[in-house]
Amino acid sequence: MVAYTSKAALDVANPQLVTGVIAGNPPTKGYNWLIELSGEQFFWEPEGVSVPQAKGGRKEVFHVATKDFAQARPGFGTFYRCAYTPEDRSAYSLYLSGGFGGRGVIPGRPYDRLGIGPYWLKKSGDLNAQASSLLRNEVGLESFYNFAITPWLQLSGDAQWLSSAKPSSRNAWVLGTRLNARF
């Protein structure tokens, strides 16, 4: 993916960045852009799964008519994402993430989903000295398990570990849960 905007972007290399942000008048530059590469790869499917085949072929599809499950096939795979934006227009110029995830990988639980993955935000090398002392690279890790009570009622548990981007803050654990009904 490539994105471009002609709207003014924050000028993070400007020596007046911090005072400008505090005063409500941050320094800007004329435009901004972003390049992102992402992908995923399935590498395992449970026994009995097949893709629909044309005209008379076997059609055995795991399908539930809800938003999350409409296209999701059971199995296990990886995903990755890498994004870059110019260092003089963003506090973080590089973003990397990836992980493993799956659906229906536990016997008898065809609609459950799970995943785990880390991310990394690289602090811009152009960040002015005053702002640079207020930020550092950020790293995090997230895992979740989505328990399908029924195909349309799902209970999720989520755990995240975040290394603070602010040197004055401690690392944090964030635990969450969600009950979701889909119609």
N, C-alpha and C. Protein backbone atom coordinates (compact mmCIF):
# COMPACT_ATOMS: atom_id res chain seq x y z
N MET A 1 0.84 -1.16 0.00
CA MET A 1 0.00 0.00 0.00
C MET A 1 0.89 1.23 0.00
N VAL A 2 0.47 2.24 -0.72
CA VAL A 2 1.14 3.53 -0.74
C VAL A 2 0.08 4.58 -0.47
N ALA A 3 0.39 5.50 0.43
CA ALA A 3 -0.55 6.58 0.75
C ALA A 3 0.18 7.91 0.68
N TYR A 4 -0.53 8.93 0.24
CA TYR A 4 0.02 10.28 0.14
C TYR A 4 -1.05 11.26 0.57
N THR A 5 -0.64 12.31 1.26
CA THR A 5 -1.55 13.40 1.58
C THR A 5 -0.85 14.73 1.35
N SER A 6 -1.59 15.66 0.80
CA SER A 6 -1.04 17.00 0.60
C SER A 6 -1.27 17.87 1.84
N LYS A 7 -1.98 17.34 2.82
CA LYS A 7 -2.21 18.06 4.07
C LYS A 7 -0.89 18.18 4.83
N ALA A 8 -0.71 19.29 5.51
CA ALA A 8 0.52 19.54 6.25
C ALA A 8 0.79 18.45 7.29
N ALA A 9 2.05 18.04 7.38
CA ALA A 9 2.49 17.04 8.35
C ALA A 9 3.32 17.70 9.43
N LEU A 10 3.37 17.11 10.58
CA LEU A 10 4.15 17.62 11.70
C LEU A 10 5.64 17.60 11.33
N ASP A 11 6.35 18.68 11.59
CA ASP A 11 7.78 18.76 11.33
C ASP A 11 8.53 18.36 12.61
N VAL A 12 8.83 17.07 12.75
CA VAL A 12 9.42 16.58 13.99
C VAL A 12 10.88 16.96 14.16
N ALA A 13 11.55 17.43 13.11
CA ALA A 13 12.95 17.84 13.22
C ALA A 13 13.08 19.30 13.67
N ASN A 14 12.01 20.05 13.66
CA ASN A 14 12.03 21.46 14.01
C ASN A 14 12.39 21.64 15.49
N PRO A 15 13.35 22.53 15.81
CA PRO A 15 13.73 22.75 17.21
C PRO A 15 12.58 23.31 18.06
N GLN A 16 11.56 23.88 17.44
CA GLN A 16 10.43 24.46 18.17
C GLN A 16 9.27 23.48 18.32
N LEU A 17 9.49 22.19 18.04
CA LEU A 17 8.41 21.20 18.06
C LEU A 17 7.69 21.14 19.40
N VAL A 18 8.40 20.92 20.48
CA VAL A 18 7.76 20.74 21.79
C VAL A 18 7.04 22.01 22.22
N THR A 19 7.69 23.16 22.11
CA THR A 19 7.02 24.41 22.51
C THR A 19 5.83 24.72 21.61
N GLY A 20 5.95 24.39 20.33
CA GLY A 20 4.83 24.60 19.40
C GLY A 20 3.64 23.72 19.72
N VAL A 21 3.89 22.47 20.08
CA VAL A 21 2.80 21.55 20.46
C VAL A 21 2.13 22.06 21.73
N ILE A 22 2.92 22.47 22.72
CA ILE A 22 2.37 22.98 23.98
C ILE A 22 1.54 24.24 23.73
N ALA A 23 2.01 25.10 22.85
CA ALA A 23 1.31 26.36 22.56
C ALA A 23 0.12 26.17 21.62
N GLY A 24 -0.03 24.97 21.06
CA GLY A 24 -1.15 24.72 20.14
C GLY A 24 -0.88 25.13 18.72
N ASN A 25 0.38 25.40 18.38
CA ASN A 25 0.75 25.81 17.03
C ASN A 25 2.01 25.03 16.60
N PRO A 26 1.88 23.71 16.40
CA PRO A 26 3.07 22.91 16.07
C PRO A 26 3.61 23.23 14.68
N PRO A 27 4.94 23.14 14.50
CA PRO A 27 5.52 23.38 13.18
C PRO A 27 5.15 22.25 12.21
N THR A 28 4.92 22.60 10.96
CA THR A 28 4.50 21.60 9.96
C THR A 28 5.34 21.69 8.69
N LYS A 29 5.24 20.63 7.89
CA LYS A 29 5.82 20.57 6.54
C LYS A 29 4.67 20.35 5.57
N GLY A 30 4.93 20.47 4.28
CA GLY A 30 3.87 20.52 3.28
C GLY A 30 3.09 19.26 2.95
N TYR A 31 3.59 18.06 3.15
CA TYR A 31 2.90 16.84 2.74
C TYR A 31 3.44 15.66 3.54
N ASN A 32 2.84 14.49 3.34
CA ASN A 32 3.34 13.29 4.00
C ASN A 32 3.00 12.09 3.13
N TRP A 33 3.71 10.99 3.33
CA TRP A 33 3.44 9.75 2.61
C TRP A 33 3.80 8.55 3.47
N LEU A 34 3.34 7.38 3.03
CA LEU A 34 3.54 6.14 3.75
C LEU A 34 3.62 4.99 2.75
N ILE A 35 4.49 4.05 3.04
CA ILE A 35 4.57 2.80 2.26
C ILE A 35 4.39 1.65 3.23
N GLU A 36 3.51 0.71 2.90
CA GLU A 36 3.27 -0.45 3.77
C GLU A 36 3.27 -1.73 2.94
N LEU A 37 3.87 -2.74 3.50
CA LEU A 37 3.87 -4.07 2.91
C LEU A 37 3.28 -5.02 3.95
N SER A 38 2.29 -5.79 3.57
CA SER A 38 1.71 -6.74 4.52
C SER A 38 1.34 -8.01 3.79
N GLY A 39 1.25 -9.08 4.54
CA GLY A 39 0.89 -10.35 3.94
C GLY A 39 0.57 -11.38 5.00
N GLU A 40 0.11 -12.50 4.53
CA GLU A 40 -0.20 -13.62 5.41
C GLU A 40 0.00 -14.92 4.64
N GLN A 41 0.27 -15.97 5.37
CA GLN A 41 0.49 -17.27 4.74
C GLN A 41 -0.12 -18.36 5.61
N PHE A 42 -1.08 -19.09 5.06
CA PHE A 42 -1.64 -20.26 5.72
C PHE A 42 -0.66 -21.40 5.54
N PHE A 43 -0.36 -22.17 6.59
CA PHE A 43 0.52 -23.30 6.40
C PHE A 43 -0.01 -24.61 6.95
N TRP A 44 -1.19 -24.59 7.57
CA TRP A 44 -1.78 -25.84 8.05
C TRP A 44 -3.28 -25.73 8.07
N GLU A 45 -3.97 -26.77 7.59
CA GLU A 45 -5.42 -26.87 7.68
C GLU A 45 -5.78 -28.22 8.28
N PRO A 46 -6.81 -28.24 9.15
CA PRO A 46 -7.18 -29.53 9.73
C PRO A 46 -7.75 -30.48 8.69
N GLU A 47 -7.72 -31.76 8.99
CA GLU A 47 -8.29 -32.77 8.10
C GLU A 47 -9.74 -32.45 7.76
N GLY A 48 -10.14 -32.73 6.54
CA GLY A 48 -11.53 -32.56 6.14
C GLY A 48 -11.86 -31.21 5.54
N VAL A 49 -10.90 -30.29 5.48
CA VAL A 49 -11.15 -28.97 4.91
C VAL A 49 -10.77 -29.01 3.44
N SER A 50 -11.63 -28.49 2.62
CA SER A 50 -11.28 -28.37 1.21
C SER A 50 -11.86 -27.07 0.68
N VAL A 51 -11.30 -26.63 -0.41
CA VAL A 51 -11.74 -25.41 -1.06
C VAL A 51 -12.83 -25.78 -2.06
N PRO A 52 -13.87 -24.94 -2.23
CA PRO A 52 -14.91 -25.26 -3.21
C PRO A 52 -14.31 -25.47 -4.60
N GLN A 53 -14.79 -26.45 -5.30
CA GLN A 53 -14.31 -26.72 -6.65
C GLN A 53 -15.44 -26.50 -7.65
N ALA A 54 -15.08 -26.19 -8.84
CA ALA A 54 -16.06 -25.89 -9.89
C ALA A 54 -16.72 -27.16 -10.41
N LYS A 55 -17.97 -27.08 -10.80
CA LYS A 55 -18.75 -28.10 -11.50
C LYS A 55 -18.52 -29.52 -11.04
N GLY A 56 -19.30 -29.95 -10.08
CA GLY A 56 -19.29 -31.34 -9.69
C GLY A 56 -18.19 -31.73 -8.72
N GLY A 57 -17.26 -30.83 -8.42
CA GLY A 57 -16.21 -31.16 -7.47
C GLY A 57 -16.74 -31.17 -6.05
N ARG A 58 -15.98 -31.74 -5.18
CA ARG A 58 -16.37 -31.80 -3.77
C ARG A 58 -16.43 -30.38 -3.19
N LYS A 59 -17.47 -30.11 -2.43
CA LYS A 59 -17.61 -28.79 -1.83
C LYS A 59 -17.84 -28.96 -0.34
N GLU A 60 -16.79 -28.81 0.41
CA GLU A 60 -16.84 -28.96 1.85
C GLU A 60 -16.23 -27.68 2.44
N VAL A 61 -17.07 -26.72 2.81
CA VAL A 61 -16.59 -25.42 3.22
C VAL A 61 -17.00 -25.14 4.66
N PHE A 62 -16.05 -24.65 5.44
CA PHE A 62 -16.37 -24.18 6.78
C PHE A 62 -16.86 -22.76 6.62
N HIS A 63 -18.13 -22.53 6.83
CA HIS A 63 -18.70 -21.21 6.59
C HIS A 63 -19.79 -20.93 7.60
N VAL A 64 -19.72 -19.80 8.22
CA VAL A 64 -20.77 -19.33 9.10
C VAL A 64 -21.12 -17.93 8.63
N ALA A 65 -22.39 -17.66 8.48
CA ALA A 65 -22.81 -16.38 7.90
C ALA A 65 -22.75 -15.24 8.92
N THR A 66 -21.59 -14.98 9.45
CA THR A 66 -21.37 -13.78 10.25
C THR A 66 -20.15 -13.10 9.69
N LYS A 67 -20.00 -11.83 10.00
CA LYS A 67 -18.93 -11.03 9.42
C LYS A 67 -17.54 -11.66 9.58
N ASP A 68 -17.18 -12.03 10.81
CA ASP A 68 -15.83 -12.54 11.05
C ASP A 68 -15.56 -13.87 10.38
N PHE A 69 -16.58 -14.71 10.23
CA PHE A 69 -16.34 -16.05 9.75
C PHE A 69 -16.68 -16.24 8.27
N ALA A 70 -17.17 -15.22 7.61
CA ALA A 70 -17.61 -15.38 6.23
C ALA A 70 -16.51 -15.88 5.31
N GLN A 71 -15.28 -15.41 5.51
CA GLN A 71 -14.17 -15.82 4.64
C GLN A 71 -13.12 -16.65 5.37
N ALA A 72 -13.20 -16.73 6.68
CA ALA A 72 -12.14 -17.39 7.45
C ALA A 72 -12.24 -18.91 7.36
N ARG A 73 -11.16 -19.52 6.91
CA ARG A 73 -11.08 -20.98 6.86
C ARG A 73 -10.34 -21.47 8.08
N PRO A 74 -10.63 -22.67 8.55
CA PRO A 74 -9.88 -23.19 9.69
C PRO A 74 -8.44 -23.50 9.29
N GLY A 75 -7.56 -23.30 10.22
CA GLY A 75 -6.15 -23.58 9.99
C GLY A 75 -5.28 -22.65 10.79
N PHE A 76 -3.99 -22.67 10.46
CA PHE A 76 -3.00 -21.91 11.20
C PHE A 76 -2.08 -21.23 10.21
N GLY A 77 -1.67 -20.02 10.52
CA GLY A 77 -0.78 -19.32 9.60
C GLY A 77 -0.05 -18.17 10.27
N THR A 78 0.68 -17.44 9.46
CA THR A 78 1.46 -16.29 9.92
C THR A 78 0.98 -15.03 9.22
N PHE A 79 1.30 -13.89 9.80
CA PHE A 79 1.05 -12.61 9.15
C PHE A 79 2.22 -11.69 9.44
N TYR A 80 2.39 -10.68 8.59
CA TYR A 80 3.45 -9.70 8.80
C TYR A 80 3.01 -8.36 8.23
N ARG A 81 3.60 -7.31 8.79
CA ARG A 81 3.30 -5.95 8.34
C ARG A 81 4.53 -5.09 8.57
N CYS A 82 4.88 -4.28 7.59
CA CYS A 82 6.00 -3.36 7.69
C CYS A 82 5.56 -2.04 7.06
N ALA A 83 5.73 -0.93 7.76
CA ALA A 83 5.34 0.37 7.22
C ALA A 83 6.47 1.38 7.48
N TYR A 84 6.63 2.29 6.53
CA TYR A 84 7.65 3.34 6.64
C TYR A 84 7.05 4.67 6.24
N THR A 85 7.41 5.70 6.98
CA THR A 85 7.04 7.08 6.65
C THR A 85 8.30 7.94 6.84
N PRO A 86 8.42 9.07 6.16
CA PRO A 86 9.65 9.87 6.27
C PRO A 86 9.96 10.25 7.72
N GLU A 87 11.23 10.18 8.08
CA GLU A 87 11.64 10.44 9.45
C GLU A 87 11.40 11.88 9.89
N ASP A 88 11.39 12.84 8.97
CA ASP A 88 11.21 14.24 9.36
C ASP A 88 9.73 14.63 9.50
N ARG A 89 8.80 13.65 9.32
CA ARG A 89 7.37 13.97 9.38
C ARG A 89 6.59 13.11 10.38
N SER A 90 7.27 12.28 11.12
CA SER A 90 6.59 11.41 12.06
C SER A 90 7.51 11.08 13.23
N ALA A 91 6.95 10.99 14.43
CA ALA A 91 7.75 10.64 15.60
C ALA A 91 8.29 9.21 15.48
N TYR A 92 7.55 8.35 14.80
CA TYR A 92 7.97 6.98 14.55
C TYR A 92 7.99 6.76 13.04
N SER A 93 9.13 6.36 12.51
CA SER A 93 9.25 6.25 11.06
C SER A 93 9.12 4.82 10.54
N LEU A 94 9.25 3.83 11.41
CA LEU A 94 9.19 2.45 10.96
C LEU A 94 8.32 1.64 11.92
N TYR A 95 7.44 0.82 11.35
CA TYR A 95 6.55 -0.03 12.13
C TYR A 95 6.68 -1.45 11.60
N LEU A 96 6.97 -2.40 12.48
CA LEU A 96 7.05 -3.82 12.11
C LEU A 96 6.15 -4.62 13.05
N SER A 97 5.41 -5.56 12.50
CA SER A 97 4.61 -6.47 13.33
C SER A 97 4.47 -7.79 12.60
N GLY A 98 4.11 -8.79 13.34
CA GLY A 98 3.91 -10.10 12.76
C GLY A 98 3.37 -11.03 13.81
N GLY A 99 3.15 -12.25 13.43
CA GLY A 99 2.68 -13.21 14.41
C GLY A 99 2.08 -14.44 13.79
N PHE A 100 1.44 -15.21 14.66
CA PHE A 100 0.80 -16.46 14.28
C PHE A 100 -0.66 -16.39 14.71
N GLY A 101 -1.52 -17.01 13.93
CA GLY A 101 -2.93 -17.03 14.30
C GLY A 101 -3.62 -18.19 13.64
N GLY A 102 -4.81 -18.48 14.15
CA GLY A 102 -5.54 -19.58 13.57
C GLY A 102 -7.00 -19.59 14.00
N ARG A 103 -7.72 -20.48 13.35
CA ARG A 103 -9.14 -20.69 13.64
C ARG A 103 -9.41 -22.18 13.52
N GLY A 104 -10.19 -22.71 14.47
CA GLY A 104 -10.58 -24.11 14.40
C GLY A 104 -9.44 -25.09 14.53
N VAL A 105 -8.37 -24.72 15.22
CA VAL A 105 -7.20 -25.61 15.32
C VAL A 105 -7.29 -26.56 16.51
N ILE A 106 -8.23 -26.33 17.43
CA ILE A 106 -8.42 -27.22 18.57
C ILE A 106 -9.57 -28.16 18.23
N PRO A 107 -9.37 -29.47 18.32
CA PRO A 107 -10.43 -30.43 17.97
C PRO A 107 -11.74 -30.12 18.72
N GLY A 108 -12.84 -30.14 17.99
CA GLY A 108 -14.15 -29.87 18.57
C GLY A 108 -14.47 -28.40 18.75
N ARG A 109 -13.56 -27.50 18.37
CA ARG A 109 -13.76 -26.06 18.50
C ARG A 109 -13.55 -25.39 17.14
N PRO A 110 -14.40 -25.67 16.14
CA PRO A 110 -14.15 -25.20 14.78
C PRO A 110 -14.25 -23.69 14.60
N TYR A 111 -14.90 -22.96 15.50
CA TYR A 111 -15.07 -21.53 15.31
C TYR A 111 -14.22 -20.68 16.26
N ASP A 112 -13.46 -21.30 17.14
CA ASP A 112 -12.57 -20.55 18.02
C ASP A 112 -11.42 -19.96 17.21
N ARG A 113 -10.93 -18.81 17.64
CA ARG A 113 -9.79 -18.16 17.00
C ARG A 113 -8.74 -17.84 18.06
N LEU A 114 -7.47 -17.78 17.65
CA LEU A 114 -6.39 -17.44 18.56
C LEU A 114 -5.28 -16.76 17.79
N GLY A 115 -4.46 -16.03 18.52
CA GLY A 115 -3.34 -15.36 17.87
C GLY A 115 -2.35 -14.82 18.87
N ILE A 116 -1.12 -14.63 18.40
CA ILE A 116 -0.06 -14.02 19.20
C ILE A 116 0.89 -13.31 18.24
N GLY A 117 1.35 -12.13 18.64
CA GLY A 117 2.28 -11.42 17.78
C GLY A 117 2.89 -10.20 18.45
N PRO A 118 4.13 -9.87 18.07
CA PRO A 118 4.80 -8.68 18.58
C PRO A 118 4.71 -7.52 17.57
N TYR A 119 5.01 -6.31 18.06
CA TYR A 119 5.17 -5.17 17.16
C TYR A 119 6.36 -4.33 17.66
N TRP A 120 6.89 -3.49 16.78
CA TRP A 120 8.00 -2.62 17.10
C TRP A 120 7.82 -1.31 16.38
N LEU A 121 7.90 -0.19 17.10
CA LEU A 121 7.89 1.14 16.52
C LEU A 121 9.27 1.74 16.70
N LYS A 122 9.91 2.15 15.59
CA LYS A 122 11.25 2.75 15.66
C LYS A 122 11.12 4.26 15.70
N LYS A 123 11.71 4.84 16.72
CA LYS A 123 11.70 6.30 16.87
C LYS A 123 12.44 6.94 15.70
N SER A 124 11.90 8.02 15.18
CA SER A 124 12.51 8.73 14.07
C SER A 124 13.87 9.28 14.45
N GLY A 125 14.84 9.12 13.56
CA GLY A 125 16.17 9.68 13.78
C GLY A 125 16.19 11.18 13.63
N ASP A 126 15.17 11.77 13.00
CA ASP A 126 15.10 13.21 12.81
C ASP A 126 14.37 13.93 13.93
N LEU A 127 13.84 13.21 14.88
CA LEU A 127 13.11 13.83 15.99
C LEU A 127 14.04 14.81 16.70
N ASN A 128 13.56 16.04 16.92
CA ASN A 128 14.46 17.04 17.52
C ASN A 128 14.93 16.58 18.89
N ALA A 129 16.04 17.16 19.36
CA ALA A 129 16.70 16.69 20.58
C ALA A 129 15.78 16.72 21.80
N GLN A 130 15.00 17.78 21.95
CA GLN A 130 14.13 17.89 23.12
C GLN A 130 13.04 16.82 23.09
N ALA A 131 12.40 16.64 21.94
CA ALA A 131 11.35 15.62 21.80
C ALA A 131 11.95 14.22 21.86
N SER A 132 13.15 14.05 21.33
CA SER A 132 13.79 12.74 21.33
C SER A 132 14.04 12.23 22.75
N SER A 133 14.32 13.14 23.66
CA SER A 133 14.55 12.72 25.05
C SER A 133 13.24 12.30 25.73
N LEU A 134 12.10 12.67 25.15
CA LEU A 134 10.80 12.31 25.72
C LEU A 134 10.26 10.99 25.20
N LEU A 135 10.85 10.45 24.13
CA LEU A 135 10.38 9.21 23.51
C LEU A 135 11.52 8.24 23.29
N ARG A 136 11.16 6.97 23.17
CA ARG A 136 12.11 5.93 22.76
C ARG A 136 11.35 4.93 21.88
N ASN A 137 12.05 3.97 21.34
CA ASN A 137 11.38 2.92 20.57
C ASN A 137 10.33 2.24 21.44
N GLU A 138 9.30 1.73 20.80
CA GLU A 138 8.25 1.05 21.55
C GLU A 138 8.13 -0.38 21.05
N VAL A 139 7.94 -1.30 21.98
CA VAL A 139 7.79 -2.72 21.66
C VAL A 139 6.58 -3.24 22.42
N GLY A 140 5.86 -4.15 21.80
CA GLY A 140 4.71 -4.74 22.47
C GLY A 140 4.48 -6.17 21.99
N LEU A 141 3.68 -6.88 22.76
CA LEU A 141 3.31 -8.26 22.44
C LEU A 141 1.85 -8.44 22.84
N GLU A 142 1.08 -9.07 21.97
CA GLU A 142 -0.33 -9.30 22.26
C GLU A 142 -0.69 -10.74 21.95
N SER A 143 -1.55 -11.31 22.78
CA SER A 143 -2.11 -12.63 22.50
C SER A 143 -3.59 -12.59 22.84
N PHE A 144 -4.37 -13.40 22.11
CA PHE A 144 -5.80 -13.46 22.38
C PHE A 144 -6.33 -14.86 22.11
N TYR A 145 -7.45 -15.16 22.73
CA TYR A 145 -8.20 -16.37 22.43
C TYR A 145 -9.66 -15.98 22.34
N ASN A 146 -10.30 -16.33 21.24
CA ASN A 146 -11.70 -16.03 21.01
C ASN A 146 -12.47 -17.34 21.10
N PHE A 147 -13.23 -17.50 22.18
CA PHE A 147 -14.00 -18.71 22.44
C PHE A 147 -15.40 -18.51 21.86
N ALA A 148 -15.75 -19.31 20.84
CA ALA A 148 -17.07 -19.21 20.21
C ALA A 148 -18.07 -20.04 21.03
N ILE A 149 -18.86 -19.35 21.84
CA ILE A 149 -19.90 -20.03 22.62
C ILE A 149 -20.91 -20.63 21.64
N THR A 150 -21.28 -19.85 20.65
CA THR A 150 -22.02 -20.29 19.46
C THR A 150 -21.32 -19.58 18.31
N PRO A 151 -21.63 -19.92 17.06
CA PRO A 151 -20.97 -19.18 15.98
C PRO A 151 -21.24 -17.67 16.01
N TRP A 152 -22.34 -17.24 16.61
CA TRP A 152 -22.66 -15.81 16.64
C TRP A 152 -22.41 -15.14 17.99
N LEU A 153 -22.05 -15.90 19.03
CA LEU A 153 -21.76 -15.34 20.36
C LEU A 153 -20.35 -15.77 20.74
N GLN A 154 -19.47 -14.77 20.89
CA GLN A 154 -18.05 -15.06 21.11
C GLN A 154 -17.52 -14.32 22.33
N LEU A 155 -16.75 -15.03 23.15
CA LEU A 155 -16.11 -14.46 24.33
C LEU A 155 -14.61 -14.46 24.08
N SER A 156 -13.99 -13.28 24.19
CA SER A 156 -12.55 -13.16 23.93
C SER A 156 -11.80 -12.74 25.18
N GLY A 157 -10.61 -13.28 25.33
CA GLY A 157 -9.66 -12.85 26.34
C GLY A 157 -8.42 -12.34 25.64
N ASP A 158 -7.82 -11.27 26.16
CA ASP A 158 -6.71 -10.63 25.49
C ASP A 158 -5.68 -10.21 26.54
N ALA A 159 -4.40 -10.43 26.25
CA ALA A 159 -3.31 -9.98 27.12
C ALA A 159 -2.29 -9.24 26.25
N GLN A 160 -1.90 -8.06 26.71
CA GLN A 160 -0.90 -7.26 26.00
C GLN A 160 0.20 -6.85 26.96
N TRP A 161 1.43 -6.89 26.48
CA TRP A 161 2.56 -6.34 27.22
C TRP A 161 3.11 -5.20 26.38
N LEU A 162 3.29 -4.04 26.99
CA LEU A 162 3.75 -2.85 26.28
C LEU A 162 4.98 -2.29 26.97
N SER A 163 6.05 -2.10 26.21
CA SER A 163 7.20 -1.39 26.75
C SER A 163 6.95 0.07 26.43
N SER A 164 6.91 0.88 27.43
CA SER A 164 6.52 2.28 27.27
C SER A 164 7.48 3.04 26.37
N ALA A 165 6.93 3.87 25.50
CA ALA A 165 7.73 4.73 24.65
C ALA A 165 8.25 5.94 25.43
N LYS A 166 7.66 6.18 26.60
CA LYS A 166 8.09 7.30 27.44
C LYS A 166 9.09 6.78 28.47
N PRO A 167 10.31 7.30 28.48
CA PRO A 167 11.31 6.84 29.45
C PRO A 167 10.85 7.02 30.90
N SER A 168 9.97 7.98 31.16
CA SER A 168 9.52 8.23 32.53
C SER A 168 8.41 7.28 32.97
N SER A 169 7.92 6.42 32.06
CA SER A 169 6.83 5.48 32.39
C SER A 169 7.36 4.05 32.45
N ARG A 170 6.67 3.23 33.23
CA ARG A 170 7.04 1.83 33.33
C ARG A 170 6.33 1.02 32.25
N ASN A 171 6.85 -0.16 32.00
CA ASN A 171 6.18 -1.09 31.09
C ASN A 171 4.85 -1.49 31.70
N ALA A 172 3.92 -1.98 30.86
CA ALA A 172 2.58 -2.27 31.37
C ALA A 172 2.04 -3.57 30.81
N TRP A 173 1.20 -4.21 31.61
CA TRP A 173 0.39 -5.35 31.18
C TRP A 173 -1.04 -4.84 31.07
N VAL A 174 -1.71 -5.20 30.00
CA VAL A 174 -3.11 -4.83 29.81
C VAL A 174 -3.89 -6.13 29.57
N LEU A 175 -4.86 -6.41 30.42
CA LEU A 175 -5.69 -7.60 30.28
C LEU A 175 -7.11 -7.16 29.94
N GLY A 176 -7.75 -7.86 29.02
CA GLY A 176 -9.09 -7.47 28.65
C GLY A 176 -9.94 -8.67 28.26
N THR A 177 -11.22 -8.45 28.24
CA THR A 177 -12.18 -9.46 27.80
C THR A 177 -13.31 -8.77 27.07
N ARG A 178 -13.99 -9.51 26.20
CA ARG A 178 -15.08 -8.94 25.42
C ARG A 178 -16.08 -10.05 25.10
N LEU A 179 -17.34 -9.73 25.22
CA LEU A 179 -18.41 -10.62 24.80
C LEU A 179 -19.06 -9.96 23.59
N ASN A 180 -19.08 -10.67 22.46
CA ASN A 180 -19.55 -10.08 21.23
C ASN A 180 -20.65 -10.93 20.61
N ALA A 181 -21.79 -10.32 20.30
CA ALA A 181 -22.89 -11.00 19.61
C ALA A 181 -22.97 -10.43 18.20
N ARG A 182 -22.98 -11.30 17.20
CA ARG A 182 -23.04 -10.88 15.80
C ARG A 182 -24.30 -11.40 15.14
N PHE A 183 -24.97 -10.51 14.44
CA PHE A 183 -26.23 -10.88 13.74
C PHE A 183 -26.12 -10.59 12.28
